[in-house]
Protein backbone atom coordinates (compact mmCIF):
# COMPACT_ATOMS: atom_id res chain seq x y z
CA UNK A 1 -46.19 -126.54 4.85
CA UNK A 2 -49.12 -124.20 5.50
CA UNK A 3 -46.71 -121.26 5.23
CA UNK A 4 -45.41 -122.56 1.87
CA UNK A 5 -48.93 -122.98 0.50
CA UNK A 6 -49.79 -119.49 1.68
CA UNK A 7 -46.79 -118.00 -0.15
CA UNK A 8 -47.75 -119.82 -3.35
CA UNK A 9 -51.30 -118.54 -3.16
CA UNK A 10 -49.98 -115.01 -2.62
CA UNK A 11 -47.70 -115.26 -5.67
CA UNK A 12 -50.58 -116.53 -7.84
CA UNK A 13 -52.77 -113.71 -6.62
CA UNK A 14 -50.11 -111.13 -7.49
CA UNK A 15 -49.58 -112.64 -10.95
CA UNK A 16 -53.26 -112.20 -11.65
CA UNK A 17 -52.78 -108.48 -11.31
CA UNK A 18 -49.57 -108.18 -13.38
CA UNK A 19 -50.14 -105.40 -15.95
CA UNK A 20 -50.49 -106.42 -19.60
CA UNK A 21 -47.33 -104.43 -20.36
CA UNK A 22 -45.32 -107.13 -18.55
CA UNK A 23 -46.91 -110.00 -20.44
CA UNK A 24 -45.24 -111.53 -23.49
CA UNK A 25 -46.18 -109.66 -26.70
CA UNK A 26 -48.75 -111.35 -28.90
CA UNK A 27 -46.79 -110.38 -32.02
CA UNK A 28 -43.01 -110.09 -32.46
CA UNK A 29 -42.11 -108.99 -35.99
CA UNK A 30 -38.64 -109.42 -37.50
CA UNK A 31 -37.27 -106.34 -39.29
CA UNK A 32 -34.39 -106.50 -41.78
CA UNK A 33 -32.23 -103.60 -42.94
CA UNK A 34 -28.84 -103.16 -44.59
CA UNK A 35 -27.43 -100.43 -42.31
CA UNK A 36 -24.99 -100.61 -39.42
CA UNK A 37 -26.00 -100.27 -35.77
CA UNK A 38 -25.43 -96.51 -36.01
CA UNK A 39 -27.21 -96.08 -39.35
CA UNK A 40 -30.41 -93.98 -39.57
CA UNK A 41 -32.27 -97.19 -40.52
CA UNK A 42 -31.38 -98.70 -37.15
CA UNK A 43 -32.41 -95.57 -35.28
CA UNK A 44 -35.64 -95.33 -37.25
CA UNK A 45 -36.40 -99.01 -36.62
CA UNK A 46 -35.73 -98.59 -32.90
CA UNK A 47 -38.19 -95.68 -32.81
CA UNK A 48 -40.73 -97.78 -34.73
CA UNK A 49 -40.32 -100.52 -32.09
CA UNK A 50 -40.75 -98.04 -29.25
CA UNK A 51 -43.93 -96.55 -30.74
CA UNK A 52 -45.38 -99.95 -31.67
CA UNK A 53 -44.96 -101.19 -28.10
CA UNK A 54 -46.47 -97.97 -26.75
CA UNK A 55 -49.47 -97.84 -29.09
CA UNK A 56 -50.24 -101.56 -28.68
CA UNK A 57 -49.81 -101.58 -24.89
CA UNK A 58 -46.98 -104.06 -25.28
CA UNK A 59 -48.93 -106.49 -27.45
CA UNK A 60 -46.73 -105.92 -30.51
CA UNK A 61 -42.98 -105.39 -30.83
CA UNK A 62 -40.07 -105.74 -33.26
CA UNK A 63 -36.85 -107.75 -33.40
CA UNK A 64 -34.46 -105.63 -35.46
CA UNK A 65 -31.69 -107.21 -37.56
CA UNK A 66 -29.32 -104.74 -39.24
CA UNK A 67 -26.19 -105.21 -41.33
CA UNK A 68 -27.84 -107.85 -43.55
CA UNK A 69 -27.95 -110.37 -40.72
CA UNK A 70 -30.99 -112.14 -42.14
CA UNK A 71 -30.37 -111.77 -45.87
CA UNK A 72 -28.95 -109.34 -48.42
CA UNK A 73 -30.60 -107.25 -51.10
CA UNK A 74 -33.21 -109.03 -53.19
CA UNK A 75 -32.95 -112.09 -50.91
CA UNK A 76 -34.38 -110.01 -48.06
CA UNK A 77 -37.33 -109.00 -50.22
CA UNK A 78 -37.83 -112.60 -51.33
CA UNK A 79 -37.66 -113.67 -47.69
CA UNK A 80 -40.42 -111.21 -46.82
CA UNK A 81 -42.47 -112.40 -49.77
CA UNK A 82 -42.10 -116.01 -48.54
CA UNK A 83 -42.65 -115.13 -44.88
CA UNK A 84 -39.20 -115.96 -43.47
CA UNK A 85 -38.72 -112.23 -42.80
CA UNK A 86 -41.65 -110.11 -41.60
CA UNK A 87 -40.58 -106.58 -42.62
CA UNK A 88 -37.82 -105.29 -44.91
CA UNK A 89 -36.26 -101.84 -45.28
CA UNK A 90 -34.58 -102.03 -48.68
CA UNK A 91 -33.55 -99.96 -51.70
CA UNK A 92 -35.57 -99.90 -54.94
CA UNK A 93 -32.90 -101.88 -56.81
CA UNK A 94 -33.31 -104.86 -54.46
CA UNK A 95 -37.08 -104.55 -54.43
CA UNK A 96 -37.25 -104.37 -58.24
CA UNK A 97 -35.74 -107.85 -58.50
CA UNK A 98 -38.94 -109.14 -56.90
CA UNK A 99 -41.44 -106.41 -57.82
CA UNK A 100 -40.28 -105.17 -61.27
CA UNK A 101 -42.27 -101.91 -61.19
CA UNK A 102 -39.87 -100.50 -58.57
CA UNK A 103 -37.24 -100.17 -61.32
CA UNK A 104 -39.09 -96.95 -62.22
CA UNK A 105 -37.83 -95.43 -58.95
CA UNK A 106 -34.25 -95.89 -60.20
CA UNK A 107 -34.72 -93.43 -63.07
CA UNK A 108 -31.98 -90.76 -63.17
CA UNK A 109 -32.82 -87.28 -61.92
CA UNK A 110 -36.40 -88.32 -61.22
CA UNK A 111 -36.74 -86.16 -58.11
CA UNK A 112 -35.61 -82.58 -57.52
CA UNK A 113 -35.72 -82.68 -53.72
CA UNK A 114 -36.49 -85.00 -50.84
CA UNK A 115 -39.74 -83.19 -50.10
CA UNK A 116 -40.84 -83.59 -53.71
CA UNK A 117 -39.87 -87.28 -53.72
CA UNK A 118 -42.02 -88.15 -50.70
CA UNK A 119 -44.92 -86.00 -51.89
CA UNK A 120 -44.84 -87.90 -55.17
CA UNK A 121 -44.64 -91.31 -53.52
CA UNK A 122 -47.54 -90.43 -51.21
CA UNK A 123 -49.66 -89.26 -54.15
CA UNK A 124 -52.74 -90.90 -55.60
CA UNK A 125 -50.88 -91.60 -58.86
CA UNK A 126 -48.15 -93.57 -57.10
CA UNK A 127 -50.52 -95.92 -55.31
CA UNK A 128 -49.81 -98.21 -58.27
CA UNK A 129 -46.62 -99.24 -56.45
CA UNK A 130 -48.57 -100.31 -53.35
CA UNK A 131 -51.04 -102.19 -55.52
CA UNK A 132 -48.26 -103.93 -57.42
CA UNK A 133 -46.57 -104.84 -54.14
CA UNK A 134 -49.71 -106.60 -52.94
CA UNK A 135 -49.90 -108.51 -56.20
CA UNK A 136 -46.45 -109.87 -55.26
CA UNK A 137 -47.33 -110.75 -51.65
CA UNK A 138 -45.98 -107.58 -50.01
CA UNK A 139 -47.86 -104.95 -48.00
CA UNK A 140 -46.10 -101.64 -48.70
CA UNK A 141 -45.99 -99.74 -45.41
CA UNK A 142 -44.32 -96.65 -46.88
CA UNK A 143 -40.96 -95.08 -47.76
CA UNK A 144 -37.94 -94.03 -45.73
CA UNK A 145 -35.05 -91.73 -46.65
CA UNK A 146 -32.02 -93.24 -48.35
CA UNK A 147 -30.65 -90.01 -49.82
CA UNK A 148 -28.82 -88.78 -52.90
CA UNK A 149 -26.61 -91.25 -54.71
CA UNK A 150 -23.21 -89.90 -55.75
CA UNK A 151 -20.19 -91.27 -57.58
CA UNK A 152 -16.82 -91.91 -55.96
CA UNK A 153 -13.73 -93.14 -57.81
CA UNK A 154 -10.00 -93.68 -57.54
CA UNK A 155 -8.93 -91.98 -60.79
CA UNK A 156 -9.92 -88.30 -60.90
CA UNK A 157 -12.33 -85.62 -59.66
CA UNK A 158 -15.66 -85.53 -61.51
CA UNK A 159 -16.41 -81.89 -62.24
CA UNK A 160 -18.12 -82.22 -65.61
CA UNK A 161 -20.07 -85.03 -67.19
CA UNK A 162 -17.22 -85.92 -69.57
CA UNK A 163 -15.08 -86.85 -66.55
CA UNK A 164 -17.21 -89.96 -66.06
CA UNK A 165 -16.34 -91.43 -69.46
CA UNK A 166 -14.27 -94.59 -69.43
CA UNK A 167 -14.56 -95.32 -65.71
CA UNK A 168 -15.57 -98.82 -64.64
CA UNK A 169 -18.24 -98.53 -61.97
CA UNK A 170 -19.83 -101.03 -59.65
CA UNK A 171 -23.62 -100.95 -59.58
CA UNK A 172 -26.30 -102.95 -57.83
CA UNK A 173 -28.24 -105.31 -60.09
CA UNK A 174 -30.54 -102.97 -62.03
CA UNK A 175 -30.98 -102.58 -65.78
CA UNK A 176 -31.96 -98.93 -65.34
CA UNK A 177 -28.68 -98.27 -63.53
CA UNK A 178 -26.75 -100.17 -66.21
CA UNK A 179 -28.36 -98.05 -68.93
CA UNK A 180 -27.79 -94.87 -66.97
CA UNK A 181 -24.08 -95.55 -66.54
CA UNK A 182 -23.74 -96.52 -70.20
CA UNK A 183 -25.33 -93.18 -71.14
CA UNK A 184 -22.69 -91.47 -69.02
CA UNK A 185 -20.01 -93.38 -70.96
CA UNK A 186 -19.11 -95.63 -68.03
CA UNK A 187 -18.66 -99.40 -67.91
CA UNK A 188 -21.08 -100.84 -65.34
CA UNK A 189 -20.28 -104.02 -63.36
CA UNK A 190 -23.04 -105.47 -61.15
CA UNK A 191 -21.61 -106.67 -57.83
CA UNK A 192 -23.08 -107.61 -54.45
CA UNK A 193 -22.69 -105.01 -51.73
CA UNK A 194 -20.35 -107.32 -49.80
CA UNK A 195 -17.90 -107.37 -52.75
CA UNK A 196 -17.63 -103.61 -53.35
CA UNK A 197 -14.72 -102.70 -51.07
CA UNK A 198 -12.51 -105.55 -52.30
CA UNK A 199 -13.30 -104.78 -55.94
CA UNK A 200 -12.33 -101.13 -55.42
CA UNK A 201 -9.22 -102.09 -53.48
CA UNK A 202 -8.02 -104.51 -56.17
CA UNK A 203 -8.86 -102.15 -59.01
CA UNK A 204 -11.43 -104.50 -60.52
CA UNK A 205 -13.62 -101.39 -60.68
CA UNK A 206 -12.61 -97.73 -60.49
CA UNK A 207 -15.79 -96.33 -59.03
CA UNK A 208 -18.96 -96.96 -57.09
CA UNK A 209 -22.15 -94.99 -56.50
CA UNK A 210 -24.05 -94.82 -53.23
CA UNK A 211 -25.56 -92.40 -50.76
CA UNK A 212 -22.92 -90.48 -48.83
CA UNK A 213 -23.72 -92.41 -45.64
CA UNK A 214 -22.62 -95.67 -47.28
CA UNK A 215 -19.49 -94.06 -48.73
CA UNK A 216 -18.38 -93.05 -45.24
CA UNK A 217 -19.72 -95.91 -43.10
CA UNK A 218 -18.41 -98.58 -45.49
CA UNK A 219 -15.02 -96.81 -45.66
CA UNK A 220 -15.01 -96.62 -49.45
CA UNK A 221 -13.00 -93.41 -49.02
CA UNK A 222 -10.00 -95.59 -48.18
CA UNK A 223 -9.91 -96.81 -51.78
CA UNK A 224 -11.89 -94.03 -53.54
CA UNK A 225 -10.67 -90.59 -52.52
CA UNK A 226 -12.63 -88.65 -55.16
CA UNK A 227 -16.23 -88.09 -54.10
CA UNK A 228 -18.44 -86.18 -56.55
CA UNK A 229 -21.94 -84.80 -55.97
CA UNK A 230 -23.53 -86.16 -59.13
CA UNK A 231 -26.87 -86.62 -57.30
CA UNK A 232 -28.02 -88.83 -60.15
CA UNK A 233 -30.69 -90.60 -58.07
CA UNK A 234 -32.58 -89.71 -54.93
CA UNK A 235 -33.31 -93.10 -53.44
CA UNK A 236 -36.53 -93.50 -51.51
CA UNK A 237 -36.45 -96.66 -49.40
CA UNK A 238 -39.49 -98.95 -49.66
CA UNK A 239 -40.52 -100.64 -46.41
CA UNK A 240 -42.62 -103.76 -46.95
CA UNK A 241 -44.29 -106.43 -44.84
CA UNK A 242 -45.36 -109.97 -45.67
CA UNK A 243 -48.92 -109.54 -46.94
CA UNK A 244 -50.26 -112.78 -45.47
CA UNK A 245 -48.96 -111.76 -42.04
CA UNK A 246 -50.49 -108.29 -42.43
CA UNK A 247 -53.84 -109.83 -43.38
CA UNK A 248 -53.69 -112.10 -40.32
CA UNK A 249 -53.83 -109.07 -38.02
CA UNK A 250 -57.12 -107.64 -36.83
CA UNK A 251 -58.17 -104.27 -38.29
CA UNK A 252 -57.29 -102.64 -34.94
CA UNK A 253 -53.81 -104.24 -34.98
CA UNK A 254 -53.27 -103.12 -38.57
CA UNK A 255 -54.26 -99.58 -37.67
CA UNK A 256 -51.91 -99.57 -34.66
CA UNK A 257 -48.98 -100.95 -36.65
CA UNK A 258 -49.50 -98.50 -39.52
CA UNK A 259 -49.79 -95.55 -37.13
CA UNK A 260 -46.57 -96.56 -35.34
CA UNK A 261 -44.84 -96.90 -38.70
CA UNK A 262 -46.14 -93.57 -40.01
CA UNK A 263 -45.04 -91.71 -36.89
CA UNK A 264 -41.64 -93.45 -36.92
CA UNK A 265 -41.29 -92.51 -40.60
CA UNK A 266 -41.33 -88.80 -39.77
CA UNK A 267 -38.47 -89.37 -37.32
CA UNK A 268 -36.55 -91.74 -39.64
CA UNK A 269 -36.65 -89.27 -42.53
CA UNK A 270 -35.60 -86.35 -40.34
CA UNK A 271 -32.64 -88.13 -38.79
CA UNK A 272 -31.49 -89.49 -42.17
CA UNK A 273 -31.68 -86.06 -43.81
CA UNK A 274 -29.88 -84.45 -40.85
CA UNK A 275 -27.15 -87.10 -41.06
CA UNK A 276 -26.72 -86.51 -44.78
CA UNK A 277 -26.47 -82.75 -44.22
CA UNK A 278 -23.93 -82.84 -41.39
CA UNK A 279 -21.99 -86.08 -41.80
CA UNK A 280 -19.68 -85.09 -44.66
CA UNK A 281 -18.77 -81.74 -43.09
CA UNK A 282 -17.91 -83.45 -39.80
CA UNK A 283 -15.88 -86.07 -41.68
CA UNK A 284 -13.89 -83.39 -43.54
CA UNK A 285 -13.40 -81.38 -40.34
CA UNK A 286 -11.69 -84.44 -38.86
CA UNK A 287 -9.11 -84.30 -41.67
CA UNK A 288 -10.42 -86.96 -44.02
CA UNK A 289 -8.11 -87.41 -47.01
CA UNK A 290 -10.76 -87.12 -49.72
CA UNK A 291 -11.50 -84.63 -52.47
CA UNK A 292 -15.13 -83.58 -52.79
CA UNK A 293 -16.44 -82.09 -56.04
CA UNK A 294 -19.59 -79.98 -55.78
CA UNK A 295 -21.24 -79.71 -59.20
CA UNK A 296 -23.26 -76.52 -59.53
CA UNK A 297 -24.99 -77.24 -62.83
CA UNK A 298 -26.24 -80.80 -63.32
CA UNK A 299 -28.02 -80.00 -66.59
CA UNK A 300 -25.33 -81.65 -68.82
CA UNK A 301 -25.63 -84.80 -66.68
CA UNK A 302 -29.42 -84.80 -67.10
CA UNK A 303 -29.10 -84.32 -70.85
CA UNK A 304 -26.76 -87.32 -71.12
CA UNK A 305 -29.26 -89.68 -69.54
CA UNK A 306 -32.39 -88.32 -71.27
CA UNK A 307 -32.46 -91.34 -73.68
CA UNK A 308 -32.93 -93.63 -70.67
CA UNK A 309 -36.31 -92.02 -70.06
CA UNK A 310 -37.36 -92.51 -73.66
CA UNK A 311 -36.47 -96.20 -73.49
CA UNK A 312 -38.44 -96.93 -70.32
CA UNK A 313 -41.43 -94.76 -71.13
CA UNK A 314 -41.96 -96.98 -74.14
CA UNK A 315 -41.61 -100.44 -72.63
CA UNK A 316 -43.35 -102.42 -69.87
CA UNK A 317 -42.11 -99.98 -67.22
CA UNK A 318 -43.79 -97.09 -69.03
CA UNK A 319 -46.99 -97.08 -66.99
CA UNK A 320 -45.00 -96.58 -63.78
CA UNK A 321 -42.67 -93.93 -65.22
CA UNK A 322 -45.71 -92.06 -66.48
CA UNK A 323 -47.40 -92.36 -63.06
CA UNK A 324 -44.34 -90.75 -61.49
CA UNK A 325 -44.32 -87.98 -64.08
CA UNK A 326 -48.05 -87.38 -63.51
CA UNK A 327 -47.44 -87.18 -59.75
CA UNK A 328 -44.62 -84.68 -60.31
CA UNK A 329 -46.84 -82.53 -62.52
CA UNK A 330 -49.69 -82.66 -59.99
CA UNK A 331 -47.66 -81.55 -56.97
CA UNK A 332 -45.91 -78.85 -59.02
CA UNK A 333 -49.18 -77.03 -59.74
């Protein structure tokens, strides 16, 4: 009995000296994203988790849920707003269904390069998006890389803007996208992401538009062999956190979380851009049965959608479109 008591006392003494790193984290945040387990979002989120644990000495960590496990699209943003999801990584279309100002980020040919896009979004002028997010219960942590959106279809190569006319195209729910496709002469059909492959396969729609990563990872090439570099939108990816949860953290915890996110953002953007650069070439080298159209001069495409700008500069979205244009002018000096 004395031996047993002695062992118990020894165990308790050892537990008293267990490092904090082995203790349960004080905060475990759920993170939602749309990508697969090999998607740059997943890799970026894993790096975010690693840095957050390191910088907080194990007091904060992440539970990562990819492939829409928690919710899809606008529902994920709504879930974050309500507090059922802690952090989302989502596209501007989904976010705009909850925070309408983000529709401005869907404007065609808004950005000329990835570097310009992130410089604009980090600018003083574009802080209006962070402010608007907070008004809707979301703390905007920053933006990740989603890439250039391009059109694929089952009918013909797109080599000039007239080739788009008459095609029926699936879009995410966004009035800006609907107006953009109408300006191109296309018939836009809003469909959930989960319905896209079947709709293409059955011929309900002829075309879809997405970053290249989605075209390949979602196997749209099986039903859409014509992939055309229209580059009509560069999609920055807002990352938002439930504002009430953010406000519940101490200033030191907020600083640690934001630093981990900022450092992970550098990695997430780099790996996403590298994937976009190399993925298609590797896919073609493996003998993929697709036809890629590289469009050298996008000016006729830009001219077609110019009326979309005029519409949104003169309605309730105008203040945000003008903020983006002011940011572009400022960083171009």
